[in-house]
Amino acid sequence: MVNRILRLPEVKARTGMSRSTIYLRIADRLFSRPISLGPRMVGWIESEVDALIAARIRGASDDELRAVVVKLEAARKNAA
């Protein structure tokens, strides 16, 4: 599976969230952490963003979203 890396403007456009909301959700473990692309550059894995959007659409609670985030980040570590 080919995965794209999304930069912040595209993540904001896809989710409808502001930068501060995205980072607040990351701090609350409701959004996956970005990956480092360089010393001052990060990006998000497209499939993870899509999975979180799908979870929100189906009405996932915050606890369910946290479980999705944990699962996505664990899969990321196992893939490496």
Foldseek 3Di string as FASTA:
>chain_A
DDKDWAFDVVLCVVVVDDPVVQVVCVVVQLAADWDDPDPPGTTHIPVRSVVSSVCVVVPHDSVRSSVSNVVVVVVVVVVD
